[in-house]
N, C-alpha and C. Protein backbone atom coordinates (compact mmCIF):
# COMPACT_ATOMS: atom_id res chain seq x y z
N MET A 1 1.00 -1.50 0.12
CA MET A 1 -0.01 -0.60 -0.37
C MET A 1 1.15 0.81 -0.22
N LYS A 2 2.26 1.12 0.99
CA LYS A 2 3.31 2.25 0.86
C LYS A 2 3.74 2.90 -0.54
N ASP A 3 3.71 1.78 -1.73
CA ASP A 3 4.09 1.86 -2.95
C ASP A 3 3.10 2.36 -3.90
N SER A 4 2.02 2.04 -4.11
CA SER A 4 0.66 2.83 -4.52
C SER A 4 0.89 4.11 -4.19
N SER A 5 0.56 4.18 -2.59
CA SER A 5 0.12 5.92 -2.27
C SER A 5 1.20 6.48 -2.22
N GLY A 6 2.72 6.34 -2.34
CA GLY A 6 3.28 7.43 -2.32
C GLY A 6 4.03 7.70 -2.98
N GLY A 7 4.87 8.62 -3.83
CA GLY A 7 5.78 8.39 -5.00
C GLY A 7 4.64 8.24 -6.16
N PHE A 8 6.40 7.92 -7.60
CA PHE A 8 5.21 7.67 -8.68
C PHE A 8 5.68 6.24 -8.90
N SER A 9 4.92 5.13 -9.97
CA SER A 9 5.53 4.55 -10.67
C SER A 9 6.90 4.58 -11.29
N ASN A 10 7.04 3.96 -11.56
CA ASN A 10 7.38 3.63 -12.99
C ASN A 10 7.54 4.00 -14.43
N GLN A 11 5.83 3.91 -14.27
CA GLN A 11 5.40 4.41 -15.67
C GLN A 11 4.71 5.47 -15.40
N GLN A 12 4.47 6.15 -14.53
CA GLN A 12 4.05 7.39 -14.33
C GLN A 12 5.85 8.12 -14.75
N ALA A 13 6.86 7.54 -14.00
CA ALA A 13 7.95 8.72 -13.94
C ALA A 13 8.09 9.00 -15.25
N LEU A 14 8.48 7.54 -16.46
CA LEU A 14 8.49 7.99 -17.61
C LEU A 14 7.34 8.53 -18.39
N LEU A 15 5.77 8.44 -18.53
CA LEU A 15 5.03 9.18 -18.98
C LEU A 15 4.99 10.78 -18.40
N VAL A 16 5.91 10.86 -17.38
CA VAL A 16 6.18 12.61 -16.96
C VAL A 16 7.81 12.24 -18.49
N LEU A 17 8.00 11.51 -18.32
CA LEU A 17 9.50 11.67 -18.57
C LEU A 17 9.25 12.55 -20.13
N LEU A 18 8.17 11.36 -20.68
CA LEU A 18 7.91 11.83 -22.26
C LEU A 18 7.17 12.90 -22.75
N ILE A 19 6.75 13.10 -21.64
CA ILE A 19 6.19 14.68 -22.23
C ILE A 19 6.65 15.48 -22.03
N CYS A 20 8.12 15.89 -21.21
CA CYS A 20 8.08 16.66 -20.48
C CYS A 20 9.44 17.25 -20.82
N PHE A 21 10.56 16.39 -21.47
CA PHE A 21 11.73 15.66 -22.67
C PHE A 21 11.54 16.39 -23.21
N PRO A 22 10.12 16.35 -24.49
CA PRO A 22 9.73 16.31 -25.65
C PRO A 22 9.92 18.41 -25.90
N VAL A 23 8.96 18.90 -24.48
CA VAL A 23 8.27 20.01 -24.83
C VAL A 23 9.31 20.67 -23.85
N GLY A 24 10.35 20.37 -23.46
CA GLY A 24 11.92 21.15 -22.69
C GLY A 24 12.05 21.06 -24.22
N LEU A 25 12.63 20.64 -24.68
CA LEU A 25 13.41 20.24 -26.08
C LEU A 25 12.91 21.60 -27.22
N ILE A 26 11.39 21.19 -27.29
CA ILE A 26 11.08 22.31 -27.63
C ILE A 26 11.10 23.93 -27.13
N GLY A 27 10.56 23.99 -25.90
CA GLY A 27 11.13 25.12 -25.80
C GLY A 27 12.79 25.83 -25.81
N LEU A 28 13.84 25.74 -25.61
CA LEU A 28 14.83 25.43 -25.67
C LEU A 28 15.03 25.68 -26.96
N GLY A 29 14.51 24.69 -28.31
CA GLY A 29 14.88 25.48 -29.26
C GLY A 29 13.99 26.87 -29.81
N LEU A 30 12.44 27.39 -29.16
CA LEU A 30 12.00 28.04 -29.57
C LEU A 30 13.10 29.64 -29.00
N VAL A 31 14.14 29.24 -27.20
CA VAL A 31 14.69 30.47 -27.43
C VAL A 31 15.85 30.50 -28.12
N VAL A 32 16.46 29.76 -28.74
CA VAL A 32 17.37 29.69 -29.88
C VAL A 32 17.73 30.12 -30.47
N ILE A 33 15.93 30.20 -31.48
CA ILE A 33 15.92 30.45 -32.43
C ILE A 33 15.52 31.54 -32.15
N LEU A 34 14.93 31.85 -31.15
CA LEU A 34 14.56 33.52 -31.23
C LEU A 34 15.22 34.44 -30.51
N LEU A 35 17.03 33.71 -30.00
CA LEU A 35 17.56 34.14 -29.46
C LEU A 35 18.59 34.37 -31.02
N GLN A 36 18.49 33.87 -31.82
CA GLN A 36 19.00 33.64 -33.72
C GLN A 36 19.08 34.77 -34.16
N ARG A 37 17.28 34.86 -34.09
CA ARG A 37 16.80 35.95 -34.92
C ARG A 37 16.68 37.26 -34.65
N PRO A 38 16.74 37.72 -33.66
CA PRO A 38 16.58 39.20 -33.86
C PRO A 38 18.13 40.17 -34.32
N ALA A 39 19.15 39.09 -33.84
CA ALA A 39 20.30 39.86 -34.36
C ALA A 39 20.38 40.04 -36.25
N PRO A 40 19.95 39.81 -36.96
CA PRO A 40 19.54 40.66 -37.98
C PRO A 40 18.97 41.36 -38.08
N GLN A 41 17.75 41.22 -37.22
CA GLN A 41 16.15 42.29 -37.01
C GLN A 41 17.10 43.34 -37.38
N ILE A 42 18.04 43.59 -35.91
CA ILE A 42 18.51 44.13 -34.89
C ILE A 42 19.79 45.22 -35.69
N ALA A 43 20.05 44.21 -36.71
CA ALA A 43 20.98 44.88 -37.83
C ALA A 43 20.98 45.80 -39.08
N GLN A 44 19.30 45.65 -39.22
CA GLN A 44 19.48 45.80 -40.40
C GLN A 44 19.17 47.32 -40.05
N PRO A 45 17.46 47.66 -38.87
CA PRO A 45 16.99 49.04 -38.97
C PRO A 45 18.31 49.98 -38.30
N GLN A 46 19.42 49.79 -37.47
CA GLN A 46 20.58 49.94 -36.84
C GLN A 46 21.31 50.59 -38.42
N GLN A 47 22.09 50.27 -39.69
CA GLN A 47 22.08 50.38 -41.39
C GLN A 47 21.48 51.16 -41.65
N GLN A 48 20.05 51.48 -41.71
CA GLN A 48 18.84 52.05 -42.40
C GLN A 48 18.85 53.90 -41.32
N PRO A 49 19.78 53.98 -40.25
CA PRO A 49 19.52 55.78 -40.49
C PRO A 49 20.62 56.02 -40.07
N SER A 50 21.58 54.85 -40.42
CA SER A 50 22.58 55.09 -40.28
C SER A 50 23.70 55.98 -42.24
N GLN A 51 21.93 55.41 -43.16
CA GLN A 51 22.83 55.88 -44.23
C GLN A 51 22.25 56.91 -44.79
N PRO A 52 23.12 57.89 -44.94
CA PRO A 52 22.36 59.45 -45.34
C PRO A 52 22.00 59.99 -45.89
N LEU A 53 20.91 58.62 -46.39
CA LEU A 53 20.28 59.55 -48.02
C LEU A 53 19.45 59.95 -48.54
N GLU A 54 18.55 60.75 -46.94
CA GLU A 54 17.34 61.53 -47.33
C GLU A 54 18.30 62.76 -47.19
N PRO A 55 19.29 62.95 -46.73
CA PRO A 55 19.52 64.45 -46.50
C PRO A 55 19.93 65.23 -47.88
N GLN A 56 20.53 64.20 -48.60
CA GLN A 56 20.73 63.81 -50.37
C GLN A 56 19.83 64.56 -51.02
N THR A 57 18.75 63.77 -50.54
CA THR A 57 17.43 64.18 -51.37
C THR A 57 17.15 65.57 -51.30
N PRO A 58 17.07 66.21 -50.28
CA PRO A 58 16.25 68.11 -50.42
C PRO A 58 17.34 68.63 -51.64
N ALA A 59 18.84 67.84 -51.70
CA ALA A 59 19.77 69.38 -52.08
C ALA A 59 19.45 68.43 -53.64
N GLN A 60 19.34 67.62 -54.28
CA GLN A 60 19.36 67.41 -55.66
C GLN A 60 18.60 68.27 -56.51
N PRO A 61 17.34 69.25 -56.06
CA PRO A 61 16.38 70.06 -56.98
C PRO A 61 17.26 71.93 -56.43
N LEU A 62 18.09 71.99 -56.32
CA LEU A 62 19.02 72.90 -56.15
C LEU A 62 19.88 72.95 -57.06
N PRO A 63 19.82 72.38 -57.50
CA PRO A 63 20.98 72.32 -58.67
C PRO A 63 19.98 73.75 -59.97
N SER A 64 18.84 72.51 -60.09
CA SER A 64 18.19 73.24 -60.95
C SER A 64 17.36 74.07 -61.27
N LEU A 65 17.45 74.70 -59.84
CA LEU A 65 16.42 75.86 -60.00
C LEU A 65 18.17 77.60 -60.35
N SER A 66 19.45 77.02 -60.19
CA SER A 66 20.39 77.99 -60.17
C SER A 66 20.40 78.00 -61.68
N PRO A 67 20.47 77.54 -62.76
CA PRO A 67 20.12 79.04 -64.13
C PRO A 67 19.45 78.71 -64.09
N ALA A 68 18.14 79.19 -63.65
CA ALA A 68 16.98 80.19 -64.73
C ALA A 68 16.77 81.05 -64.24
N PRO A 69 17.29 81.23 -63.01
CA PRO A 69 17.30 83.15 -63.55
C PRO A 69 17.92 84.44 -63.83
N PHE A 70 18.45 84.09 -64.63
CA PHE A 70 19.23 85.06 -65.12
C PHE A 70 19.58 84.95 -66.61
N PRO A 71 17.93 85.02 -67.29
CA PRO A 71 18.09 85.23 -68.76
C PRO A 71 18.81 86.32 -68.99
N SER A 72 19.05 87.32 -69.21
CA SER A 72 19.67 88.41 -69.89
C SER A 72 21.04 88.29 -69.87
N GLY A 73 21.57 88.38 -71.65
CA GLY A 73 22.32 88.57 -71.07
C GLY A 73 23.59 89.28 -71.41
N LEU A 74 22.66 90.74 -71.03
CA LEU A 74 22.28 92.52 -70.31
C LEU A 74 23.09 92.53 -68.65
N ASN A 75 24.19 93.36 -68.39
CA ASN A 75 23.63 92.73 -67.11
C ASN A 75 23.63 94.58 -66.53
N GLU A 76 23.29 94.74 -65.42
CA GLU A 76 23.32 95.71 -64.89
C GLU A 76 24.28 97.41 -65.28
N LEU A 77 25.55 97.04 -65.59
CA LEU A 77 27.32 97.69 -65.72
C LEU A 77 26.69 98.20 -67.48
N GLN A 78 27.14 97.01 -67.70
CA GLN A 78 26.47 97.01 -69.25
C GLN A 78 25.75 97.86 -69.75
N ALA A 79 24.00 97.92 -69.11
CA ALA A 79 23.52 98.68 -69.07
C ALA A 79 23.74 100.41 -68.81
N ARG A 80 24.19 100.37 -67.92
CA ARG A 80 24.56 101.70 -67.74
C ARG A 80 26.09 102.63 -68.11
N ALA A 81 26.85 101.25 -69.18
CA ALA A 81 27.45 102.19 -70.21
C ALA A 81 27.11 101.97 -71.25
N ILE A 82 25.94 101.11 -71.51
CA ILE A 82 25.13 102.30 -73.03
C ILE A 82 24.36 103.56 -73.15
N VAL A 83 24.15 103.54 -71.99
CA VAL A 83 23.53 105.02 -71.31
C VAL A 83 24.56 105.91 -71.63
N GLU A 84 25.37 105.71 -71.12
CA GLU A 84 26.43 106.65 -70.55
C GLU A 84 27.07 107.05 -72.15
N GLU A 85 27.53 106.17 -72.52
CA GLU A 85 27.85 106.34 -74.34
C GLU A 85 27.27 107.09 -74.82
N TRP A 86 25.41 107.33 -75.03
CA TRP A 86 25.01 107.55 -75.52
C TRP A 86 24.61 109.29 -75.08
N LEU A 87 25.16 109.90 -73.83
CA LEU A 87 24.61 110.71 -73.19
C LEU A 87 26.29 111.59 -73.67
N SER A 88 27.34 111.00 -73.76
CA SER A 88 28.47 111.36 -74.68
C SER A 88 28.25 111.59 -76.15
N LEU A 89 27.69 111.49 -76.86
CA LEU A 89 27.41 111.05 -78.17
C LEU A 89 26.21 112.40 -78.10
N LYS A 90 25.44 112.94 -77.44
CA LYS A 90 24.71 113.59 -77.42
C LYS A 90 25.10 115.42 -77.63
N PRO A 91 26.30 115.48 -77.32
CA PRO A 91 26.74 117.01 -77.61
C PRO A 91 27.45 117.11 -79.77
N GLN A 92 27.64 115.65 -79.55
CA GLN A 92 27.34 115.37 -81.37
C GLN A 92 26.56 115.20 -82.14
N ILE A 93 25.85 114.87 -81.41
CA ILE A 93 24.55 114.59 -82.21
C ILE A 93 23.10 115.85 -82.30
N PHE A 94 23.33 116.46 -81.46
CA PHE A 94 22.66 117.47 -81.48
C PHE A 94 23.14 119.36 -81.36
N ALA A 95 24.77 118.82 -82.23
CA ALA A 95 25.50 119.78 -83.10
C ALA A 95 25.85 119.97 -84.60
N SER A 96 26.54 120.64 -84.71
CA SER A 96 27.03 119.97 -86.37
C SER A 96 28.08 119.36 -85.89
N PRO A 97 28.34 118.62 -86.83
CA PRO A 97 27.33 117.81 -87.63
C PRO A 97 26.05 117.20 -87.26
N PHE A 98 25.86 117.58 -86.59
CA PHE A 98 24.81 116.10 -86.41
C PHE A 98 24.60 115.21 -86.88
N ASN A 99 25.63 114.16 -86.41
CA ASN A 99 26.27 112.68 -85.97
C ASN A 99 24.92 111.94 -86.05
N THR A 100 23.40 111.70 -87.55
CA THR A 100 23.25 110.36 -86.79
C THR A 100 23.49 109.17 -87.46
N GLU A 101 25.08 109.20 -88.16
CA GLU A 101 25.60 107.44 -88.58
C GLU A 101 26.19 107.15 -86.94
N LEU A 102 26.61 108.40 -85.89
CA LEU A 102 27.05 108.37 -84.51
C LEU A 102 26.20 108.17 -83.39
N ALA A 103 24.73 108.30 -83.77
CA ALA A 103 23.89 107.70 -82.78
C ALA A 103 23.33 107.38 -83.66
N GLY A 104 23.41 106.21 -84.79
CA GLY A 104 23.67 104.78 -85.25
C GLY A 104 23.92 103.87 -84.79
N GLN A 105 25.08 104.23 -84.06
CA GLN A 105 26.31 103.52 -82.94
C GLN A 105 25.53 102.53 -81.26
N VAL A 106 24.68 103.71 -80.35
CA VAL A 106 23.95 103.46 -79.56
C VAL A 106 22.43 103.22 -80.05
N VAL A 107 22.21 103.95 -81.16
CA VAL A 107 20.94 103.40 -81.19
C VAL A 107 19.51 103.18 -82.46
N ALA A 108 18.78 101.80 -81.26
CA ALA A 108 18.27 100.87 -82.08
C ALA A 108 17.05 101.05 -83.15
N THR A 109 17.24 100.30 -83.90
CA THR A 109 16.00 101.54 -84.84
C THR A 109 14.76 101.29 -83.78
N GLY A 110 13.91 102.10 -83.47
CA GLY A 110 12.80 102.23 -82.97
C GLY A 110 11.99 103.70 -82.49
N PRO A 111 11.45 103.55 -80.86
CA PRO A 111 11.03 105.38 -81.47
C PRO A 111 11.61 106.09 -81.27
N LEU A 112 13.02 106.09 -80.58
CA LEU A 112 14.36 107.25 -79.93
C LEU A 112 14.60 107.11 -81.58
N TRP A 113 14.77 106.51 -81.89
CA TRP A 113 15.84 106.25 -83.93
C TRP A 113 15.07 107.23 -85.16
N THR A 114 13.08 107.46 -84.31
CA THR A 114 12.46 107.27 -85.42
C THR A 114 12.26 109.22 -84.75
N ASP A 115 12.62 109.46 -84.36
CA ASP A 115 12.10 111.15 -83.61
C ASP A 115 13.36 111.47 -83.28
N LEU A 116 14.78 110.68 -83.69
CA LEU A 116 15.89 111.90 -84.12
C LEU A 116 16.07 111.61 -85.53
N THR A 117 15.73 111.02 -86.52
CA THR A 117 15.56 110.92 -88.44
C THR A 117 14.39 111.08 -89.06
N LYS A 118 13.10 111.89 -87.80
CA LYS A 118 11.90 112.01 -88.54
C LYS A 118 12.76 113.95 -89.60
N THR A 119 11.37 113.62 -90.80
CA THR A 119 11.02 114.86 -91.55
C THR A 119 11.48 116.16 -90.08
N ASP A 120 10.28 115.35 -89.94
CA ASP A 120 9.84 117.02 -88.31
C ASP A 120 10.60 116.74 -86.92
N GLY A 121 11.27 116.16 -86.70
CA GLY A 121 12.20 115.10 -85.59
C GLY A 121 13.05 116.74 -84.96
N SER A 122 13.71 115.94 -83.73
CA SER A 122 14.22 116.76 -83.07
C SER A 122 16.09 117.68 -83.59
N ILE A 123 16.58 117.06 -84.76
CA ILE A 123 17.27 116.65 -84.83
C ILE A 123 17.13 118.14 -86.82
N GLU A 124 16.06 117.51 -87.34
CA GLU A 124 15.37 118.17 -88.61
C GLU A 124 15.32 119.90 -87.83
N TRP A 125 15.05 119.79 -86.09
CA TRP A 125 14.13 121.16 -85.93
C TRP A 125 15.16 122.04 -86.15
N LEU A 126 16.02 121.27 -84.80
CA LEU A 126 17.53 121.60 -85.36
C LEU A 126 18.36 122.85 -86.29
N LYS A 127 18.37 122.07 -86.97
CA LYS A 127 19.10 122.35 -88.30
C LYS A 127 18.03 123.22 -89.38
N LYS A 128 16.60 122.81 -89.59
CA LYS A 128 15.82 124.51 -90.17
C LYS A 128 15.77 125.30 -88.72
N ASN A 129 15.83 125.84 -87.77
CA ASN A 129 15.75 126.35 -86.71
C ASN A 129 17.30 127.02 -86.05
N ASN A 130 18.56 126.93 -87.39
CA ASN A 130 19.82 127.11 -86.64
C ASN A 130 20.26 127.26 -85.29
N SER A 131 19.74 125.78 -84.82
CA SER A 131 19.96 125.50 -83.14
C SER A 131 21.10 125.11 -83.69
N TYR A 132 20.79 124.67 -81.90
CA TYR A 132 21.93 123.20 -80.91
C TYR A 132 22.25 123.07 -79.75
N TYR A 133 22.33 122.44 -79.38
CA TYR A 133 22.76 122.71 -78.16
C TYR A 133 24.18 122.02 -77.49
N SER A 134 24.84 122.45 -76.58
CA SER A 134 25.84 122.33 -76.15
C SER A 134 25.40 121.92 -75.16
N TYR A 135 26.59 121.38 -73.94
CA TYR A 135 26.65 120.32 -72.73
C TYR A 135 27.39 120.92 -71.24
N ALA A 136 27.03 121.58 -70.33
CA ALA A 136 28.51 121.52 -69.97
C ALA A 136 28.55 120.58 -68.95
N THR A 137 27.42 119.80 -68.52
CA THR A 137 27.13 118.78 -67.68
C THR A 137 25.90 117.65 -67.98
N ILE A 138 26.48 116.73 -68.43
CA ILE A 138 25.63 115.61 -68.47
C ILE A 138 26.07 114.03 -68.44
N LYS A 139 25.64 113.31 -66.88
CA LYS A 139 26.06 112.47 -66.15
C LYS A 139 25.65 111.15 -65.66
N VAL A 140 25.31 110.28 -65.74
CA VAL A 140 24.78 109.39 -64.64
C VAL A 140 24.93 109.32 -63.98
N ASN A 141 24.07 109.49 -61.92
CA ASN A 141 24.31 109.62 -61.28
C ASN A 141 24.60 108.56 -60.64
N ASP A 142 23.39 107.97 -60.82
CA ASP A 142 23.80 106.51 -59.95
C ASP A 142 22.23 105.30 -60.47
N VAL A 143 22.34 104.35 -60.82
CA VAL A 143 20.78 102.89 -60.87
C VAL A 143 19.49 103.78 -59.51
N ILE A 144 18.41 103.97 -60.50
CA ILE A 144 17.39 104.18 -59.48
C ILE A 144 17.14 102.10 -59.41
N ARG A 145 16.89 101.43 -60.51
CA ARG A 145 16.75 100.22 -60.84
C ARG A 145 17.35 99.48 -61.88
N PHE A 146 17.38 98.23 -62.33
CA PHE A 146 17.71 97.39 -63.19
C PHE A 146 16.85 96.03 -63.75
N LEU A 147 15.46 96.45 -64.70
CA LEU A 147 15.25 95.27 -64.82
C LEU A 147 15.44 94.85 -66.15
N PRO A 148 15.98 93.53 -65.91
CA PRO A 148 16.68 92.50 -67.09
C PRO A 148 15.77 91.92 -67.67
N SER A 149 16.30 91.35 -69.00
CA SER A 149 14.84 91.05 -69.66
C SER A 149 15.77 90.13 -70.84
N PRO A 150 15.74 89.34 -70.97
CA PRO A 150 16.28 88.45 -72.41
C PRO A 150 15.76 89.24 -74.39
N SER A 151 14.94 90.10 -73.86
CA SER A 151 14.44 90.54 -75.36
C SER A 151 14.83 91.92 -74.43
N MET A 152 14.51 92.93 -74.35
CA MET A 152 14.52 94.22 -73.82
C MET A 152 14.30 94.77 -72.67
N PRO A 153 15.66 94.45 -71.88
CA PRO A 153 16.31 95.15 -70.85
C PRO A 153 15.91 96.12 -70.69
N SER A 154 15.58 96.89 -69.04
CA SER A 154 14.80 98.41 -68.88
C SER A 154 16.16 98.50 -67.78
N ILE A 155 16.70 99.73 -67.75
CA ILE A 155 17.73 100.66 -66.74
C ILE A 155 16.41 101.57 -66.66
N VAL A 156 16.18 102.39 -64.94
CA VAL A 156 15.85 103.74 -65.07
C VAL A 156 16.93 103.88 -63.65
N VAL A 157 17.69 105.41 -65.25
CA VAL A 157 18.77 106.17 -63.72
C VAL A 157 18.72 107.43 -63.98
N SER A 158 19.27 108.07 -62.28
CA SER A 158 19.41 109.22 -62.49
C SER A 158 20.39 110.37 -63.47
N VAL A 159 20.21 111.39 -63.81
CA VAL A 159 21.11 112.00 -65.39
C VAL A 159 20.47 113.64 -64.88
N SER A 160 22.23 114.26 -63.88
CA SER A 160 22.43 115.80 -64.97
C SER A 160 21.84 115.44 -65.32
N GLU A 161 21.89 116.85 -65.94
CA GLU A 161 22.10 117.16 -67.54
C GLU A 161 21.64 119.41 -67.32
N ASP A 162 22.83 120.06 -67.43
CA ASP A 162 23.57 121.51 -68.03
C ASP A 162 23.45 121.48 -69.48
N SER A 163 22.48 121.40 -69.27
CA SER A 163 22.44 122.51 -71.75
C SER A 163 21.99 123.65 -71.57
N VAL A 164 22.39 124.04 -72.69
CA VAL A 164 22.11 125.38 -73.31
C VAL A 164 21.87 125.10 -74.84
N LEU A 165 20.80 125.44 -75.03
CA LEU A 165 19.72 125.58 -76.65
C LEU A 165 20.43 126.99 -77.21
N HIS A 166 21.31 126.97 -78.03
CA HIS A 166 21.26 128.46 -78.97
C HIS A 166 20.72 128.45 -80.33
N SER A 167 20.53 129.67 -80.48
CA SER A 167 19.75 129.47 -81.42
C SER A 167 19.90 131.56 -81.50
N PRO A 168 18.99 131.73 -83.22
CA PRO A 168 19.23 133.06 -83.47
C PRO A 168 18.14 134.24 -82.26
N ARG A 169 17.86 133.96 -81.94
CA ARG A 169 17.20 134.57 -80.57
C ARG A 169 17.61 134.26 -79.37
N GLY A 170 18.73 134.18 -79.34
CA GLY A 170 19.50 133.98 -78.28
C GLY A 170 20.12 132.19 -77.44
N ASN A 171 20.65 132.40 -76.69
CA ASN A 171 21.23 131.19 -75.71
C ASN A 171 19.74 130.95 -74.75
N LYS A 172 19.51 129.62 -74.52
CA LYS A 172 18.63 129.30 -73.04
C LYS A 172 19.25 128.35 -72.55
N ALA A 173 19.39 128.17 -71.05
CA ALA A 173 19.84 127.71 -70.76
C ALA A 173 19.23 127.05 -69.53
N SER A 174 19.28 125.44 -69.47
CA SER A 174 18.31 124.13 -68.39
C SER A 174 19.48 124.00 -67.81
N SER A 175 18.78 122.88 -66.57
CA SER A 175 19.55 122.58 -65.71
C SER A 175 18.65 120.97 -65.18
N SER A 176 18.46 120.35 -64.69
CA SER A 176 17.85 119.62 -64.42
C SER A 176 18.64 117.48 -64.17
N ILE A 177 17.90 117.43 -62.42
CA ILE A 177 18.21 116.40 -62.29
C ILE A 177 17.40 115.62 -62.65
N SER A 178 17.13 114.45 -63.19
CA SER A 178 15.70 113.34 -63.70
C SER A 178 15.88 112.12 -63.47
N ASN A 179 15.02 111.28 -63.30
CA ASN A 179 14.53 109.77 -63.69
C ASN A 179 14.47 109.60 -64.67
N TRP A 180 14.99 109.06 -65.34
CA TRP A 180 15.24 108.20 -67.16
C TRP A 180 14.79 106.72 -67.26
N LEU A 181 13.84 106.65 -67.85
CA LEU A 181 13.93 104.37 -68.02
C LEU A 181 14.36 104.81 -69.27
N TYR A 182 15.60 103.97 -69.53
CA TYR A 182 15.98 104.17 -71.26
C TYR A 182 15.55 102.48 -71.53
N THR A 183 14.98 101.61 -73.01
CA THR A 183 14.58 101.04 -72.39
C THR A 183 15.84 100.40 -73.86
N LEU A 184 16.50 98.83 -73.51
CA LEU A 184 17.81 98.76 -74.17
C LEU A 184 17.02 97.24 -75.15
N LYS A 185 17.50 96.87 -76.73
CA LYS A 185 17.81 96.29 -77.51
C LYS A 185 18.32 96.31 -78.30
N GLU A 186 19.16 94.18 -78.40
CA GLU A 186 20.06 93.97 -79.52
C GLU A 186 19.61 94.36 -80.46
N GLU A 187 20.66 94.58 -81.35
CA GLU A 187 20.64 94.68 -82.65
C GLU A 187 22.17 94.80 -83.53
N GLY A 188 21.33 94.12 -84.57
CA GLY A 188 23.75 94.18 -85.27
C GLY A 188 24.64 93.07 -84.45
N GLY A 189 23.91 92.65 -83.35
CA GLY A 189 24.96 91.55 -82.23
C GLY A 189 25.42 92.97 -80.74
N ARG A 190 24.58 93.98 -80.93
CA ARG A 190 25.12 94.52 -79.94
C ARG A 190 23.91 95.44 -79.28
N TRP A 191 23.73 95.77 -77.99
CA TRP A 191 22.46 96.25 -77.04
C TRP A 191 22.58 97.86 -77.14
N LYS A 192 21.60 98.17 -77.81
CA LYS A 192 21.35 100.10 -78.07
C LYS A 192 20.08 99.99 -77.59
N ILE A 193 20.01 101.65 -77.46
CA ILE A 193 18.74 102.11 -76.97
C ILE A 193 17.26 102.03 -77.83
N TRP A 194 16.62 101.93 -77.39
CA TRP A 194 15.12 101.35 -78.28
C TRP A 194 14.28 103.63 -77.97
N ASP A 195 14.34 102.74 -76.83
CA ASP A 195 13.47 103.91 -76.62
C ASP A 195 13.61 104.95 -75.28
N TYR A 196 13.45 106.34 -74.16
CA TYR A 196 13.58 105.75 -73.02
C TYR A 196 12.77 107.18 -72.74
N ARG A 197 11.93 107.14 -72.12
CA ARG A 197 11.80 108.08 -71.17
C ARG A 197 11.62 108.84 -69.97
N LYS A 198 11.07 109.98 -69.82
CA LYS A 198 11.18 110.58 -68.05
C LYS A 198 10.35 109.60 -66.91
N GLN A 199 10.26 109.90 -66.07
CA GLN A 199 9.76 109.37 -64.85
C GLN A 199 9.01 109.89 -64.31
């Protein structure tokens, strides 16, 4: 009776061993598998943040923006130089010999050229009235603004002009500091003044 009431019989011990041993092996196998799997999974997330691919992506659109903002082949300094050349030639254009060929070097075919060369234009009026201009001062003071354009850029400049209109009626002096808008156009491979007006 002692044998049946206390402890395990051989059959019961064998049964427990047959159940626990495979379960223990399966459990041990799962632990080994779980310990082996996280190693590659941990390595992959560490590689992704360490790759600086995302910071390079915003840098790629920047080069495509840089060539576009400057379409005009004429810059502010060149535009100012053209206006200064025109002003320096005015004493020869609006006085004898009234050199329209000289004007053609800085004036493009347009409203200003038409005004200079038409039959009732400014040069013809001076000739008919035995008159001419002389200039004590004629210069660009500074650039107010420059408006670039691939075809017709413009520049607004402050100009000081002290002139005298000489005519049979006498001499009439005038002095001014004014802002002028000059529109430029390329003609014959050279940038010239197309028109100008007071601001």
